[in-house]
Amino acid sequence: MTKLVFLVEEPSMADMLDGLLPRLFPALRFQCIPHDGKRDLEKSIPR
C-alpha cells in the first residue's frame, strides 16, 4: 500500500496534520517528517 510523506518546516505543522488527516481521510497512510525551519528542510532534500 502507498504512503504519503509530508516534509514540514516545524513540529507544530506535523502535530496539526497528525490530528487532522485521520479525520478527513481515515484510510490514508501518511508520515510527517518535521524539520527545524526552512533551512533544515532544504538541507534534507537532495538536489
C-alpha atoms as a PDB file:
ATOM      1  CA  MET A   1       0.000   0.000   0.000  1.00  0.00           C
ATOM      2  CA  THR A   2       1.180   3.523  -0.782  1.00  0.00           C
ATOM      3  CA  LYS A   3       2.132   6.003   1.930  1.00  0.00           C
ATOM      4  CA  LEU A   4       2.080   9.793   1.566  1.00  0.00           C
ATOM      5  CA  VAL A   5       5.073  11.554   3.154  1.00  0.00           C
ATOM      6  CA  PHE A   6       4.925  15.185   4.270  1.00  0.00           C
ATOM      7  CA  LEU A   7       8.137  17.139   4.817  1.00  0.00           C
ATOM      8  CA  VAL A   8       7.131  20.035   7.062  1.00  0.00           C
ATOM      9  CA  GLU A   9       9.089  23.035   8.353  1.00  0.00           C
ATOM     10  CA  GLU A  10       8.205  22.696  12.026  1.00  0.00           C
ATOM     11  CA  PRO A  11       6.937  20.125  14.543  1.00  0.00           C
ATOM     12  CA  SER A  12       3.695  22.068  15.120  1.00  0.00           C
ATOM     13  CA  MET A  13       2.687  21.511  11.481  1.00  0.00           C
ATOM     14  CA  ALA A  14       3.328  17.787  11.868  1.00  0.00           C
ATOM     15  CA  ASP A  15       1.137  17.769  15.003  1.00  0.00           C
ATOM     16  CA  MET A  16      -1.647  19.558  13.133  1.00  0.00           C
ATOM     17  CA  LEU A  17      -1.527  17.109  10.211  1.00  0.00           C
ATOM     18  CA  ASP A  18      -1.387  14.114  12.581  1.00  0.00           C
ATOM     19  CA  GLY A  19      -4.636  15.311  14.141  1.00  0.00           C
ATOM     20  CA  LEU A  20      -6.445  16.492  11.007  1.00  0.00           C
ATOM     21  CA  LEU A  21      -5.662  13.965   8.282  1.00  0.00           C
ATOM     22  CA  PRO A  22      -7.062  10.871  10.042  1.00  0.00           C
ATOM     23  CA  ARG A  23     -10.378  12.724  10.490  1.00  0.00           C
ATOM     24  CA  LEU A  24     -10.570  13.792   6.850  1.00  0.00           C
ATOM     25  CA  PHE A  25      -9.112  10.653   5.256  1.00  0.00           C
ATOM     26  CA  PRO A  26      -9.381   7.678   7.665  1.00  0.00           C
ATOM     27  CA  ALA A  27      -7.849   5.184   5.207  1.00  0.00           C
ATOM     28  CA  LEU A  28      -4.863   7.379   4.292  1.00  0.00           C
ATOM     29  CA  ARG A  29      -1.438   6.082   5.278  1.00  0.00           C
ATOM     30  CA  PHE A  30       0.904   9.001   5.853  1.00  0.00           C
ATOM     31  CA  GLN A  31       4.058  10.057   7.642  1.00  0.00           C
ATOM     32  CA  CYS A  32       5.062  13.558   8.737  1.00  0.00           C
ATOM     33  CA  ILE A  33       8.749  14.399   8.945  1.00  0.00           C
ATOM     34  CA  PRO A  34       9.239  17.654  10.872  1.00  0.00           C
ATOM     35  CA  HIS A  35      12.281  19.892  10.471  1.00  0.00           C
ATOM     36  CA  ASP A  36      13.691  22.854  12.398  1.00  0.00           C
ATOM     37  CA  GLY A  37      12.839  25.590   9.928  1.00  0.00           C
ATOM     38  CA  LYS A  38      13.192  26.171   6.223  1.00  0.00           C
ATOM     39  CA  ARG A  39      16.975  25.759   6.039  1.00  0.00           C
ATOM     40  CA  ASP A  40      16.862  22.397   7.799  1.00  0.00           C
ATOM     41  CA  LEU A  41      14.108  21.307   5.413  1.00  0.00           C
ATOM     42  CA  GLU A  42      16.112  22.431   2.366  1.00  0.00           C
ATOM     43  CA  LYS A  43      19.178  20.505   3.598  1.00  0.00           C
ATOM     44  CA  SER A  44      17.186  17.281   3.874  1.00  0.00           C
ATOM     45  CA  ILE A  45      16.059  17.326   0.243  1.00  0.00           C
ATOM     46  CA  PRO A  46      18.720  16.031  -2.153  1.00  0.00           C
ATOM     47  CA  ARG A  47      19.399  18.119  -5.233  1.00  0.00           C
END
